[in-house]
């Protein structure tokens, strides 16, 4: 007799889940149409609005834009750290194929790509959907908004990076600079300093820093960042450092904490933005 209540419970759960999915798809399609309409009226000037925390973020959905060369042009989600970079290799294969088809197809058609994505918070592979449409030589898409990464994720990324550098140094440095998914996690990225030269040798966000002296790096208020970090790590294997830095996702200067570890003559760092209280 207990089977009937169980079946009713399972059916109710299925109905609720189906309704939630339908509502999310409706919201995503609506946001995509708003973004497409706005881009058609504003052109590339729309990128600034897409990348702000404002009207083009709806719950967990945000807008991002990729061009024919695979360059990320705008994003209101954690992929904002990749704006200006070629993300071709960083996109899931299903998305790459879907965007390629969209760019070679007619305008006005809304396409959908499904793929599996590992959620670092629970270790489970989850199904995701992205809705997108071609407008000229741009692909405008709506994806799921991911909250900022946790300190635990930062620690795990640091562990993975140091282990990789100790096994295959040069290929790992190249992979960091090439935006390999192995060295990114939500809004987290890696940067690496050669302690002999005190210069950047890898950066998972800003390639313009490669070769720059770390001692020259300052926060948005002009306070030194690189110099005190090097002083802190002079006689230490591991450490951490608080500083202020612009969050490319929110566009605001926020408190950030860098997890630091030395391996050989390299200083490896992963910083996460702290939640505002």
Protein backbone atom coordinates (compact mmCIF):
# COMPACT_ATOMS: atom_id res chain seq x y z
CA UNK A 1 0.00 0.00 0.00
CA UNK A 2 2.94 2.33 0.54
CA UNK A 3 3.66 2.15 -3.20
CA UNK A 4 0.78 4.52 -4.14
CA UNK A 5 2.01 7.47 -1.99
CA UNK A 6 5.51 6.90 -3.32
CA UNK A 7 4.27 7.00 -6.92
CA UNK A 8 2.28 10.16 -6.24
CA UNK A 9 5.38 11.74 -4.71
CA UNK A 10 7.51 10.80 -7.72
CA UNK A 11 4.90 12.18 -10.14
CA UNK A 12 4.62 15.42 -8.19
CA UNK A 13 8.41 15.81 -8.24
CA UNK A 14 8.48 15.19 -12.00
CA UNK A 15 5.74 17.78 -12.59
CA UNK A 16 7.52 20.37 -10.45
CA UNK A 17 10.88 19.70 -12.16
CA UNK A 18 9.31 19.93 -15.64
CA UNK A 19 7.58 23.20 -14.74
CA UNK A 20 10.81 24.70 -13.38
CA UNK A 21 12.72 23.68 -16.52
CA UNK A 22 10.01 25.18 -18.75
CA UNK A 23 10.08 28.44 -16.78
CA UNK A 24 13.89 28.62 -17.00
CA UNK A 25 13.81 28.03 -20.77
CA UNK A 26 11.16 30.73 -21.15
CA UNK A 27 13.25 33.19 -19.11
CA UNK A 28 16.40 32.35 -21.08
CA UNK A 29 14.68 32.84 -24.44
CA UNK A 30 13.12 36.11 -23.28
CA UNK A 31 16.48 37.45 -22.09
CA UNK A 32 18.11 36.38 -25.36
CA UNK A 33 15.50 38.27 -27.39
CA UNK A 34 16.00 41.38 -25.24
CA UNK A 35 19.76 41.17 -25.82
CA UNK A 36 19.37 40.65 -29.58
CA UNK A 37 16.98 43.60 -29.87
CA UNK A 38 19.31 45.78 -27.82
CA UNK A 39 22.34 44.80 -29.90
CA UNK A 40 20.52 45.56 -33.14
CA UNK A 41 19.78 49.08 -31.90
CA UNK A 42 23.11 49.78 -30.18
CA UNK A 43 25.67 47.71 -32.08
CA UNK A 44 28.91 46.86 -30.29
CA UNK A 45 28.17 49.60 -27.75
CA UNK A 46 25.81 47.04 -26.21
CA UNK A 47 28.76 45.01 -24.92
CA UNK A 48 29.22 47.32 -21.94
CA UNK A 49 25.62 46.77 -20.84
CA UNK A 50 25.87 43.01 -21.34
CA UNK A 51 28.97 42.92 -19.11
CA UNK A 52 27.45 44.93 -16.24
CA UNK A 53 25.55 43.51 -13.30
CA UNK A 54 22.24 44.98 -14.39
CA UNK A 55 19.37 44.60 -16.81
CA UNK A 56 20.90 41.73 -18.78
CA UNK A 57 21.18 39.43 -15.79
CA UNK A 58 17.94 37.66 -14.91
CA UNK A 59 18.19 35.38 -11.92
CA UNK A 60 20.78 32.77 -12.88
CA UNK A 61 20.84 33.76 -16.57
CA UNK A 62 23.30 36.15 -18.19
CA UNK A 63 24.28 37.27 -21.70
CA UNK A 64 27.59 36.61 -23.40
CA UNK A 65 28.84 37.33 -26.92
CA UNK A 66 31.43 35.55 -29.08
CA UNK A 67 32.61 36.61 -32.55
CA UNK A 68 33.54 34.56 -35.63
CA UNK A 69 37.13 34.21 -34.42
CA UNK A 70 36.06 32.75 -31.09
CA UNK A 71 36.86 35.90 -29.12
CA UNK A 72 34.74 36.61 -26.04
CA UNK A 73 33.38 40.14 -26.55
CA UNK A 74 31.05 40.51 -23.57
CA UNK A 75 29.80 38.55 -20.59
CA UNK A 76 27.71 39.21 -17.52
CA UNK A 77 28.80 35.97 -15.88
CA UNK A 78 32.03 34.46 -14.63
CA UNK A 79 33.30 34.22 -18.22
CA UNK A 80 33.80 38.00 -17.98
CA UNK A 81 37.38 37.15 -17.00
CA UNK A 82 37.83 35.91 -20.58
CA UNK A 83 36.65 39.05 -22.41
CA UNK A 84 39.11 39.88 -25.17
CA UNK A 85 40.52 36.36 -25.24
CA UNK A 86 40.15 33.62 -27.84
CA UNK A 87 37.92 31.13 -26.04
CA UNK A 88 37.61 28.63 -28.91
CA UNK A 89 39.51 25.94 -27.05
CA UNK A 90 37.80 26.76 -23.75
CA UNK A 91 34.26 26.19 -25.07
CA UNK A 92 32.69 22.77 -24.71
CA UNK A 93 32.72 20.82 -28.03
CA UNK A 94 28.91 21.02 -28.25
CA UNK A 95 29.03 24.80 -27.93
CA UNK A 96 31.81 25.12 -30.50
CA UNK A 97 29.82 23.11 -33.01
CA UNK A 98 26.60 24.94 -32.22
CA UNK A 99 28.21 28.37 -32.60
CA UNK A 100 29.86 27.28 -35.86
CA UNK A 101 26.49 26.19 -37.26
CA UNK A 102 24.88 29.45 -36.13
CA UNK A 103 27.54 31.56 -37.83
CA UNK A 104 27.01 29.66 -41.07
CA UNK A 105 23.22 29.69 -40.86
CA UNK A 106 20.51 32.28 -41.30
CA UNK A 107 19.97 35.10 -38.85
CA UNK A 108 16.97 35.07 -36.56
CA UNK A 109 17.06 31.39 -35.67
CA UNK A 110 17.35 30.60 -31.97
CA UNK A 111 19.54 27.57 -31.44
CA UNK A 112 20.08 25.42 -28.36
CA UNK A 113 23.17 23.51 -27.26
CA UNK A 114 23.15 20.96 -24.47
CA UNK A 115 26.27 19.68 -22.76
CA UNK A 116 27.46 18.14 -19.53
CA UNK A 117 29.26 20.32 -17.03
CA UNK A 118 31.05 19.33 -13.82
CA UNK A 119 29.72 21.33 -10.90
CA UNK A 120 32.68 21.79 -8.57
CA UNK A 121 30.38 22.33 -5.59
CA UNK A 122 28.91 18.83 -5.58
CA UNK A 123 31.24 16.94 -7.93
CA UNK A 124 28.35 15.95 -10.21
CA UNK A 125 28.09 16.31 -13.97
CA UNK A 126 24.99 18.37 -14.72
CA UNK A 127 23.14 19.01 -17.97
CA UNK A 128 23.23 22.61 -19.13
CA UNK A 129 21.52 24.47 -21.95
CA UNK A 130 22.66 27.56 -23.79
CA UNK A 131 20.33 29.51 -26.08
CA UNK A 132 22.00 31.56 -28.81
CA UNK A 133 21.39 33.46 -32.03
CA UNK A 134 23.54 34.94 -34.78
CA UNK A 135 23.42 38.67 -35.42
CA UNK A 136 25.86 39.56 -38.19
CA UNK A 137 29.23 38.14 -37.25
CA UNK A 138 28.32 37.88 -33.56
CA UNK A 139 26.79 35.02 -31.61
CA UNK A 140 24.68 36.32 -28.74
CA UNK A 141 23.98 33.71 -26.10
CA UNK A 142 22.29 33.27 -22.75
CA UNK A 143 23.90 30.95 -20.25
CA UNK A 144 23.50 29.98 -16.63
CA UNK A 145 24.90 32.48 -14.14
CA UNK A 146 27.49 30.92 -11.82
CA UNK A 147 28.14 32.43 -8.39
CA UNK A 148 31.67 33.46 -7.48
CA UNK A 149 34.07 30.67 -6.61
CA UNK A 150 34.66 29.55 -3.03
CA UNK A 151 37.94 29.45 -1.07
CA UNK A 152 37.78 25.66 -1.32
CA UNK A 153 37.63 25.84 -5.12
CA UNK A 154 40.63 28.19 -5.09
CA UNK A 155 42.60 25.77 -2.92
CA UNK A 156 41.73 22.87 -5.23
CA UNK A 157 42.75 24.83 -8.32
CA UNK A 158 46.06 25.75 -6.69
CA UNK A 159 46.69 22.10 -5.82
CA UNK A 160 45.97 20.98 -9.39
CA UNK A 161 48.15 23.68 -10.90
CA UNK A 162 51.17 23.04 -8.69
CA UNK A 163 50.92 19.29 -9.32
CA UNK A 164 50.75 19.87 -13.09
CA UNK A 165 53.72 22.27 -13.07
CA UNK A 166 55.81 19.78 -11.12
CA UNK A 167 55.05 17.06 -13.68
CA UNK A 168 55.11 18.99 -16.98
CA UNK A 169 56.27 22.56 -16.42
CA UNK A 170 56.38 24.14 -19.87
CA UNK A 171 53.24 22.48 -21.29
CA UNK A 172 51.34 23.48 -18.15
CA UNK A 173 52.47 27.11 -18.41
CA UNK A 174 51.37 27.12 -22.05
CA UNK A 175 48.00 25.58 -21.09
CA UNK A 176 47.38 28.27 -18.46
CA UNK A 177 48.02 30.98 -21.06
CA UNK A 178 45.77 29.16 -23.55
CA UNK A 179 42.78 29.16 -21.14
CA UNK A 180 42.75 25.41 -20.64
CA UNK A 181 39.69 24.40 -18.58
CA UNK A 182 42.07 22.44 -16.35
CA UNK A 183 43.39 25.75 -14.99
CA UNK A 184 40.14 27.67 -14.62
CA UNK A 185 37.17 27.29 -12.30
CA UNK A 186 34.22 29.69 -12.45
CA UNK A 187 35.79 33.15 -11.92
CA UNK A 188 39.12 31.72 -10.71
CA UNK A 189 42.30 31.88 -12.75
CA UNK A 190 45.99 31.15 -12.17
CA UNK A 191 49.02 33.38 -12.48
CA UNK A 192 52.64 32.32 -12.17
CA UNK A 193 55.76 34.37 -11.37
CA UNK A 194 59.35 33.34 -12.12
CA UNK A 195 61.14 34.13 -8.85
CA UNK A 196 64.52 34.49 -10.56
CA UNK A 197 63.33 37.24 -12.89
CA UNK A 198 60.33 38.39 -10.80
CA UNK A 199 58.27 38.47 -13.99
CA UNK A 200 54.97 36.88 -15.01
CA UNK A 201 55.40 33.69 -17.03
CA UNK A 202 51.73 32.65 -17.10
CA UNK A 203 48.39 34.34 -16.57
CA UNK A 204 44.98 32.76 -17.04
CA UNK A 205 43.23 36.09 -17.64
CA UNK A 206 45.48 38.92 -18.87
CA UNK A 207 48.20 37.93 -21.37
CA UNK A 208 49.43 41.52 -21.48
CA UNK A 209 51.07 40.91 -18.11
CA UNK A 210 53.39 38.22 -19.46
CA UNK A 211 56.97 39.41 -19.01
CA UNK A 212 55.94 42.29 -16.75
CA UNK A 213 57.83 42.75 -13.48
CA UNK A 214 55.64 41.64 -10.61
CA UNK A 215 57.10 44.38 -8.42
CA UNK A 216 55.40 46.94 -10.68
CA UNK A 217 51.89 45.65 -9.95
CA UNK A 218 49.68 47.92 -7.84
CA UNK A 219 46.03 47.87 -6.85
CA UNK A 220 43.50 50.39 -8.32
CA UNK A 221 44.43 52.87 -5.56
CA UNK A 222 48.14 52.66 -6.31
CA UNK A 223 49.04 50.44 -3.36
CA UNK A 224 51.82 47.92 -4.15
CA UNK A 225 50.71 44.31 -4.54
CA UNK A 226 53.56 42.41 -6.19
CA UNK A 227 56.35 43.75 -4.00
CA UNK A 228 54.79 42.82 -0.63
CA UNK A 229 53.81 39.38 -1.94
CA UNK A 230 57.39 38.66 -2.98
CA UNK A 231 58.63 39.89 0.41
CA UNK A 232 56.08 37.70 2.20
CA UNK A 233 57.11 34.58 0.24
CA UNK A 234 60.87 35.14 0.42
CA UNK A 235 61.39 32.54 3.15
CA UNK A 236 58.09 30.70 2.94
CA UNK A 237 56.72 27.80 0.91
CA UNK A 238 53.06 28.81 1.21
CA UNK A 239 51.12 31.88 2.20
CA UNK A 240 48.21 34.16 1.54
CA UNK A 241 47.76 37.86 0.86
CA UNK A 242 44.80 40.25 1.14
CA UNK A 243 44.45 43.03 -1.41
CA UNK A 244 41.92 45.03 -3.41
CA UNK A 245 41.30 44.18 -7.06
CA UNK A 246 38.70 44.70 -9.76
CA UNK A 247 36.31 41.80 -10.11
CA UNK A 248 35.75 41.39 -13.87
CA UNK A 249 32.37 39.78 -13.18
CA UNK A 250 30.87 42.57 -11.04
CA UNK A 251 33.06 45.36 -12.44
CA UNK A 252 33.71 46.57 -8.89
CA UNK A 253 36.91 46.83 -6.86
CA UNK A 254 36.54 44.21 -4.14
CA UNK A 255 38.49 42.50 -1.40
CA UNK A 256 40.49 39.61 -2.80
CA UNK A 257 42.66 36.93 -1.20
CA UNK A 258 45.52 35.25 -3.05
CA UNK A 259 46.55 31.72 -2.14
CA UNK A 260 50.30 31.43 -2.79
CA UNK A 261 52.64 28.47 -3.15
CA UNK A 262 56.18 28.00 -4.40
CA UNK A 263 57.37 25.14 -6.56
CA UNK A 264 60.97 25.31 -7.68
CA UNK A 265 61.65 28.86 -8.85
CA UNK A 266 57.98 29.52 -9.57
CA UNK A 267 55.42 31.31 -7.42
CA UNK A 268 51.91 30.08 -8.18
CA UNK A 269 48.86 32.11 -7.16
CA UNK A 270 45.09 31.69 -7.26
CA UNK A 271 43.01 34.56 -5.90
CA UNK A 272 39.34 34.57 -4.99
CA UNK A 273 37.05 37.54 -4.40
CA UNK A 274 35.54 37.67 -0.94
CA UNK A 275 31.81 37.88 -0.42
CA UNK A 276 30.78 41.36 0.71
CA UNK A 277 29.15 41.44 4.11
